[in-house]
Amino acid sequence: MGLVFVSILIWVSNFALASVPELFESNFSKNYSQGLCKQNALKFLGDMSREGHSLEGFRLVKIENKGIGTFGLVNAEKARSWMKGVPVTEEKNWYEHWIVLSDAGTVYDFDFTTEPTPTFFEQYVEAMFLNEPECGEPASLELCGRREDKLADYVLTVYEGESVNRGQQAPVWNGTLAEAIYTF
């Protein structure tokens, strides 16, 4: 009986769950759809659930610009893109952007840089949205989304991952980017 138990334990350990970062890396590399950030995030949450991970502690986050800076678009500095079939990082503007955020403060964003890079929230916000090289001196002719405007005008709407996975989308938190930095 003991030998059977050990054999089963070894067999089960060979099929252990992929960790969340491993699952993110796999989805980032194999299941990415450019321009479909919400669908990428929802697929990731669904895959986590199918792999046996609890979605408690994971949230779907919508980011919007409610101000007039950058013409009301979410201005991202380190967005994933493609140039001649090669992934590159560039500045992009979106009507909205969606990410997955864990209770530990880790961001899973399929459009952040060209490598699967789970990043802590504050570092992510700084690199993806707030670090604007074109806002430096002397004044540039390029569009500059000012840091203070983004902190005040970007609004995050947060949904529980488990609820979203069941098809329910009732927000559990809503606030500015500045408030989110202190909350998450």
C-alpha atoms as a PDB file:
ATOM      1  CA  MET A   1       0.000   0.000   0.000  1.00  0.00           C
ATOM      2  CA  GLY A   2       2.800   2.433   0.868  1.00  0.00           C
ATOM      3  CA  LEU A   3       4.520   1.828  -2.484  1.00  0.00           C
ATOM      4  CA  VAL A   4       1.251   2.564  -4.334  1.00  0.00           C
ATOM      5  CA  PHE A   5       0.838   5.843  -2.413  1.00  0.00           C
ATOM      6  CA  VAL A   6       4.416   6.899  -3.194  1.00  0.00           C
ATOM      7  CA  SER A   7       3.923   6.017  -6.879  1.00  0.00           C
ATOM      8  CA  ILE A   8       0.727   8.075  -7.043  1.00  0.00           C
ATOM      9  CA  LEU A   9       2.425  10.992  -5.268  1.00  0.00           C
ATOM     10  CA  ILE A  10       5.305  10.943  -7.763  1.00  0.00           C
ATOM     11  CA  TRP A  11       2.861  10.710 -10.705  1.00  0.00           C
ATOM     12  CA  VAL A  12       0.771  13.642  -9.394  1.00  0.00           C
ATOM     13  CA  SER A  13       3.859  15.795  -8.737  1.00  0.00           C
ATOM     14  CA  ASN A  14       4.886  15.352 -12.378  1.00  0.00           C
ATOM     15  CA  PHE A  15       1.609  17.043 -13.371  1.00  0.00           C
ATOM     16  CA  ALA A  16       1.735  19.865 -10.825  1.00  0.00           C
ATOM     17  CA  LEU A  17       0.081  23.158 -11.611  1.00  0.00           C
ATOM     18  CA  ALA A  18       1.991  25.682 -13.619  1.00  0.00           C
ATOM     19  CA  SER A  19       2.717  28.640 -11.377  1.00  0.00           C
ATOM     20  CA  VAL A  20       0.864  31.870 -12.143  1.00  0.00           C
ATOM     21  CA  PRO A  21       4.034  33.524 -13.555  1.00  0.00           C
ATOM     22  CA  GLU A  22       4.642  30.447 -15.755  1.00  0.00           C
ATOM     23  CA  LEU A  23       1.065  30.557 -17.005  1.00  0.00           C
ATOM     24  CA  PHE A  24       1.429  34.290 -17.688  1.00  0.00           C
ATOM     25  CA  GLU A  25       4.651  33.652 -19.625  1.00  0.00           C
ATOM     26  CA  SER A  26       2.952  30.954 -21.691  1.00  0.00           C
ATOM     27  CA  ASN A  27      -0.067  33.150 -22.480  1.00  0.00           C
ATOM     28  CA  PHE A  28       2.176  36.144 -23.192  1.00  0.00           C
ATOM     29  CA  SER A  29       4.147  34.136 -25.753  1.00  0.00           C
ATOM     30  CA  LYS A  30       1.453  31.939 -27.299  1.00  0.00           C
ATOM     31  CA  ASN A  31      -1.983  33.482 -26.742  1.00  0.00           C
ATOM     32  CA  TYR A  32      -1.474  37.236 -27.193  1.00  0.00           C
ATOM     33  CA  SER A  33      -3.861  39.202 -29.401  1.00  0.00           C
ATOM     34  CA  GLN A  34      -2.627  42.714 -30.193  1.00  0.00           C
ATOM     35  CA  GLY A  35      -5.200  45.420 -29.472  1.00  0.00           C
ATOM     36  CA  LEU A  36      -7.353  43.091 -27.345  1.00  0.00           C
ATOM     37  CA  CYS A  37      -6.042  43.758 -23.830  1.00  0.00           C
ATOM     38  CA  LYS A  38      -9.338  42.944 -22.094  1.00  0.00           C
ATOM     39  CA  GLN A  39      -9.639  39.612 -23.913  1.00  0.00           C
ATOM     40  CA  ASN A  40      -5.992  38.786 -23.118  1.00  0.00           C
ATOM     41  CA  ALA A  41      -6.588  39.470 -19.405  1.00  0.00           C
ATOM     42  CA  LEU A  42      -9.880  37.522 -19.349  1.00  0.00           C
ATOM     43  CA  LYS A  43      -8.269  34.541 -21.076  1.00  0.00           C
ATOM     44  CA  PHE A  44      -5.453  34.599 -18.525  1.00  0.00           C
ATOM     45  CA  LEU A  45      -7.945  34.572 -15.627  1.00  0.00           C
ATOM     46  CA  GLY A  46      -9.894  31.753 -17.300  1.00  0.00           C
ATOM     47  CA  ASP A  47      -6.733  29.727 -17.875  1.00  0.00           C
ATOM     48  CA  MET A  48      -5.702  30.254 -14.252  1.00  0.00           C
ATOM     49  CA  SER A  49      -9.056  28.881 -13.125  1.00  0.00           C
ATOM     50  CA  ARG A  50      -8.925  25.910 -15.535  1.00  0.00           C
ATOM     51  CA  GLU A  51      -5.417  25.099 -14.271  1.00  0.00           C
ATOM     52  CA  GLY A  52      -6.803  24.873 -10.730  1.00  0.00           C
ATOM     53  CA  HIS A  53      -5.634  28.225  -9.362  1.00  0.00           C
ATOM     54  CA  SER A  54      -7.981  30.163  -7.120  1.00  0.00           C
ATOM     55  CA  LEU A  55      -8.840  33.570  -8.532  1.00  0.00           C
ATOM     56  CA  GLU A  56      -9.323  34.949  -5.041  1.00  0.00           C
ATOM     57  CA  GLY A  57      -6.831  37.760  -4.726  1.00  0.00           C
ATOM     58  CA  PHE A  58      -6.718  38.484  -8.463  1.00  0.00           C
ATOM     59  CA  ARG A  59      -8.482  41.427 -10.045  1.00  0.00           C
ATOM     60  CA  LEU A  60      -9.300  42.661 -13.506  1.00  0.00           C
ATOM     61  CA  VAL A  61      -8.467  46.377 -13.765  1.00  0.00           C
ATOM     62  CA  LYS A  62      -9.709  48.848 -16.371  1.00  0.00           C
ATOM     63  CA  ILE A  63      -7.645  52.030 -16.859  1.00  0.00           C
ATOM     64  CA  GLU A  64      -9.234  55.066 -18.536  1.00  0.00           C
ATOM     65  CA  ASN A  65      -8.294  58.699 -19.011  1.00  0.00           C
ATOM     66  CA  LYS A  66     -11.194  60.884 -17.852  1.00  0.00           C
ATOM     67  CA  GLY A  67      -9.286  64.117 -18.536  1.00  0.00           C
ATOM     68  CA  ILE A  68      -8.404  66.008 -21.675  1.00  0.00           C
ATOM     69  CA  GLY A  69      -4.639  65.371 -21.612  1.00  0.00           C
ATOM     70  CA  THR A  70      -3.461  63.275 -24.583  1.00  0.00           C
ATOM     71  CA  PHE A  71      -6.938  63.864 -26.045  1.00  0.00           C
ATOM     72  CA  GLY A  72      -8.607  61.620 -23.464  1.00  0.00           C
ATOM     73  CA  LEU A  73      -6.532  58.587 -24.406  1.00  0.00           C
ATOM     74  CA  VAL A  74      -4.525  56.367 -22.075  1.00  0.00           C
ATOM     75  CA  ASN A  75      -0.918  57.176 -22.985  1.00  0.00           C
ATOM     76  CA  ALA A  76       1.463  54.233 -22.451  1.00  0.00           C
ATOM     77  CA  GLU A  77       5.237  54.593 -22.746  1.00  0.00           C
ATOM     78  CA  LYS A  78       6.443  50.969 -22.811  1.00  0.00           C
ATOM     79  CA  ALA A  79       3.779  49.218 -24.870  1.00  0.00           C
ATOM     80  CA  ARG A  80       4.415  46.010 -26.742  1.00  0.00           C
ATOM     81  CA  SER A  81       4.306  46.349 -30.508  1.00  0.00           C
ATOM     82  CA  TRP A  82       5.694  44.784 -33.653  1.00  0.00           C
ATOM     83  CA  MET A  83       8.040  46.227 -36.224  1.00  0.00           C
ATOM     84  CA  LYS A  84       8.930  44.089 -39.249  1.00  0.00           C
ATOM     85  CA  GLY A  85       7.916  40.952 -37.331  1.00  0.00           C
ATOM     86  CA  VAL A  86      10.102  41.783 -34.336  1.00  0.00           C
ATOM     87  CA  PRO A  87       8.635  42.783 -30.950  1.00  0.00           C
ATOM     88  CA  VAL A  88       9.527  46.326 -29.889  1.00  0.00           C
ATOM     89  CA  THR A  89       8.527  48.688 -27.087  1.00  0.00           C
ATOM     90  CA  GLU A  90       6.921  51.950 -28.126  1.00  0.00           C
ATOM     91  CA  GLU A  91       4.584  54.709 -27.008  1.00  0.00           C
ATOM     92  CA  LYS A  92       0.891  53.978 -27.655  1.00  0.00           C
ATOM     93  CA  ASN A  93      -2.436  55.615 -26.938  1.00  0.00           C
ATOM     94  CA  TRP A  94      -5.572  53.612 -26.137  1.00  0.00           C
ATOM     95  CA  TYR A  95      -9.177  54.469 -25.291  1.00  0.00           C
ATOM     96  CA  GLU A  96      -8.831  52.128 -22.306  1.00  0.00           C
ATOM     97  CA  HIS A  97      -6.421  49.496 -21.051  1.00  0.00           C
ATOM     98  CA  TRP A  98      -6.992  46.282 -19.043  1.00  0.00           C
ATOM     99  CA  ILE A  99      -4.582  44.408 -16.752  1.00  0.00           C
ATOM    100  CA  VAL A 100      -4.672  41.706 -14.074  1.00  0.00           C
ATOM    101  CA  LEU A 101      -3.544  42.722 -10.578  1.00  0.00           C
ATOM    102  CA  SER A 102      -2.853  40.396  -7.645  1.00  0.00           C
ATOM    103  CA  ASP A 103      -3.371  41.144  -3.947  1.00  0.00           C
ATOM    104  CA  ALA A 104       0.419  41.016  -3.648  1.00  0.00           C
ATOM    105  CA  GLY A 105       0.541  44.072  -5.924  1.00  0.00           C
ATOM    106  CA  THR A 106       1.829  42.220  -8.987  1.00  0.00           C
ATOM    107  CA  VAL A 107       0.657  43.434 -12.394  1.00  0.00           C
ATOM    108  CA  TYR A 108       0.198  40.996 -15.268  1.00  0.00           C
ATOM    109  CA  ASP A 109      -0.055  43.098 -18.448  1.00  0.00           C
ATOM    110  CA  PHE A 110       0.192  41.487 -21.874  1.00  0.00           C
ATOM    111  CA  ASP A 111       1.096  44.841 -23.454  1.00  0.00           C
ATOM    112  CA  PHE A 112       3.909  45.858 -21.081  1.00  0.00           C
ATOM    113  CA  THR A 113       7.326  45.556 -22.760  1.00  0.00           C
ATOM    114  CA  THR A 114       8.330  42.752 -25.110  1.00  0.00           C
ATOM    115  CA  GLU A 115       8.965  40.136 -22.419  1.00  0.00           C
ATOM    116  CA  PRO A 116       6.524  38.599 -19.920  1.00  0.00           C
ATOM    117  CA  THR A 117       7.302  40.852 -16.972  1.00  0.00           C
ATOM    118  CA  PRO A 118       5.102  40.554 -13.870  1.00  0.00           C
ATOM    119  CA  THR A 119       5.863  43.846 -12.108  1.00  0.00           C
ATOM    120  CA  PHE A 120       4.907  45.473  -8.824  1.00  0.00           C
ATOM    121  CA  PHE A 121       2.127  48.008  -9.287  1.00  0.00           C
ATOM    122  CA  GLU A 122       4.023  51.189  -8.426  1.00  0.00           C
ATOM    123  CA  GLN A 123       6.988  50.246 -10.649  1.00  0.00           C
ATOM    124  CA  TYR A 124       4.597  49.319 -13.457  1.00  0.00           C
ATOM    125  CA  VAL A 125       2.715  52.631 -13.241  1.00  0.00           C
ATOM    126  CA  GLU A 126       5.971  54.583 -13.270  1.00  0.00           C
ATOM    127  CA  ALA A 127       7.400  52.747 -16.299  1.00  0.00           C
ATOM    128  CA  MET A 128       4.210  52.290 -18.310  1.00  0.00           C
ATOM    129  CA  PHE A 129       2.487  55.639 -17.765  1.00  0.00           C
ATOM    130  CA  LEU A 130       4.366  58.260 -15.751  1.00  0.00           C
ATOM    131  CA  ASN A 131       7.927  58.265 -17.105  1.00  0.00           C
ATOM    132  CA  GLU A 132       7.517  60.690 -20.031  1.00  0.00           C
ATOM    133  CA  PRO A 133      10.877  61.477 -21.619  1.00  0.00           C
ATOM    134  CA  GLU A 134       9.273  63.938 -24.044  1.00  0.00           C
ATOM    135  CA  CYS A 135       8.081  66.085 -21.127  1.00  0.00           C
ATOM    136  CA  GLY A 136      11.658  67.085 -20.284  1.00  0.00           C
ATOM    137  CA  GLU A 137      13.388  70.362 -21.062  1.00  0.00           C
ATOM    138  CA  PRO A 138      13.628  71.847 -23.595  1.00  0.00           C
ATOM    139  CA  ALA A 139      10.000  71.536 -24.637  1.00  0.00           C
ATOM    140  CA  SER A 140       9.496  68.900 -27.296  1.00  0.00           C
ATOM    141  CA  LEU A 141       7.120  68.962 -30.236  1.00  0.00           C
ATOM    142  CA  GLU A 142       6.017  65.441 -29.265  1.00  0.00           C
ATOM    143  CA  LEU A 143       2.797  64.934 -27.333  1.00  0.00           C
ATOM    144  CA  CYS A 144       3.512  65.121 -23.614  1.00  0.00           C
ATOM    145  CA  GLY A 145       1.132  63.507 -21.119  1.00  0.00           C
ATOM    146  CA  ARG A 146       2.063  65.327 -17.923  1.00  0.00           C
ATOM    147  CA  ARG A 147       2.612  63.207 -14.824  1.00  0.00           C
ATOM    148  CA  GLU A 148       0.313  65.274 -12.594  1.00  0.00           C
ATOM    149  CA  ASP A 149      -2.479  65.094 -15.190  1.00  0.00           C
ATOM    150  CA  LYS A 150      -2.176  61.329 -15.496  1.00  0.00           C
ATOM    151  CA  LEU A 151      -2.205  60.866 -11.712  1.00  0.00           C
ATOM    152  CA  ALA A 152      -5.400  62.911 -11.437  1.00  0.00           C
ATOM    153  CA  ASP A 153      -7.188  61.984 -14.672  1.00  0.00           C
ATOM    154  CA  TYR A 154      -6.497  58.275 -15.116  1.00  0.00           C
ATOM    155  CA  VAL A 155      -9.261  56.317 -13.414  1.00  0.00           C
ATOM    156  CA  LEU A 156      -9.021  52.660 -12.457  1.00  0.00           C
ATOM    157  CA  THR A 157     -12.089  50.463 -12.125  1.00  0.00           C
ATOM    158  CA  VAL A 158     -11.378  47.182 -10.344  1.00  0.00           C
ATOM    159  CA  TYR A 159     -13.339  43.925 -10.607  1.00  0.00           C
ATOM    160  CA  GLU A 160     -12.880  40.693  -8.620  1.00  0.00           C
ATOM    161  CA  GLY A 161     -11.246  38.011 -10.778  1.00  0.00           C
ATOM    162  CA  GLU A 162     -13.538  35.238  -9.541  1.00  0.00           C
ATOM    163  CA  SER A 163     -16.685  37.257 -10.281  1.00  0.00           C
ATOM    164  CA  VAL A 164     -15.461  38.261 -13.734  1.00  0.00           C
ATOM    165  CA  ASN A 165     -14.649  34.631 -14.514  1.00  0.00           C
ATOM    166  CA  ARG A 166     -18.297  33.778 -13.684  1.00  0.00           C
ATOM    167  CA  GLY A 167     -19.490  36.527 -16.039  1.00  0.00           C
ATOM    168  CA  GLN A 168     -20.340  39.131 -13.390  1.00  0.00           C
ATOM    169  CA  GLN A 169     -18.772  42.571 -13.643  1.00  0.00           C
ATOM    170  CA  ALA A 170     -19.669  44.636 -10.597  1.00  0.00           C
ATOM    171  CA  PRO A 171     -16.806  47.018  -9.690  1.00  0.00           C
ATOM    172  CA  VAL A 172     -15.303  46.636  -6.221  1.00  0.00           C
ATOM    173  CA  TRP A 173     -13.105  49.773  -6.346  1.00  0.00           C
ATOM    174  CA  ASN A 174     -12.915  52.938  -8.415  1.00  0.00           C
ATOM    175  CA  GLY A 175     -10.364  55.732  -8.069  1.00  0.00           C
ATOM    176  CA  THR A 176      -7.655  57.829  -9.672  1.00  0.00           C
ATOM    177  CA  LEU A 177      -4.198  56.576 -10.512  1.00  0.00           C
ATOM    178  CA  ALA A 178      -2.825  58.623  -7.584  1.00  0.00           C
ATOM    179  CA  GLU A 179      -5.267  56.925  -5.182  1.00  0.00           C
ATOM    180  CA  ALA A 180      -4.465  53.511  -6.669  1.00  0.00           C
ATOM    181  CA  ILE A 181      -0.746  53.929  -5.972  1.00  0.00           C
ATOM    182  CA  TYR A 182      -1.543  54.270  -2.264  1.00  0.00           C
ATOM    183  CA  THR A 183      -4.176  51.515  -2.324  1.00  0.00           C
ATOM    184  CA  PHE A 184      -2.373  48.781  -4.245  1.00  0.00           C
END
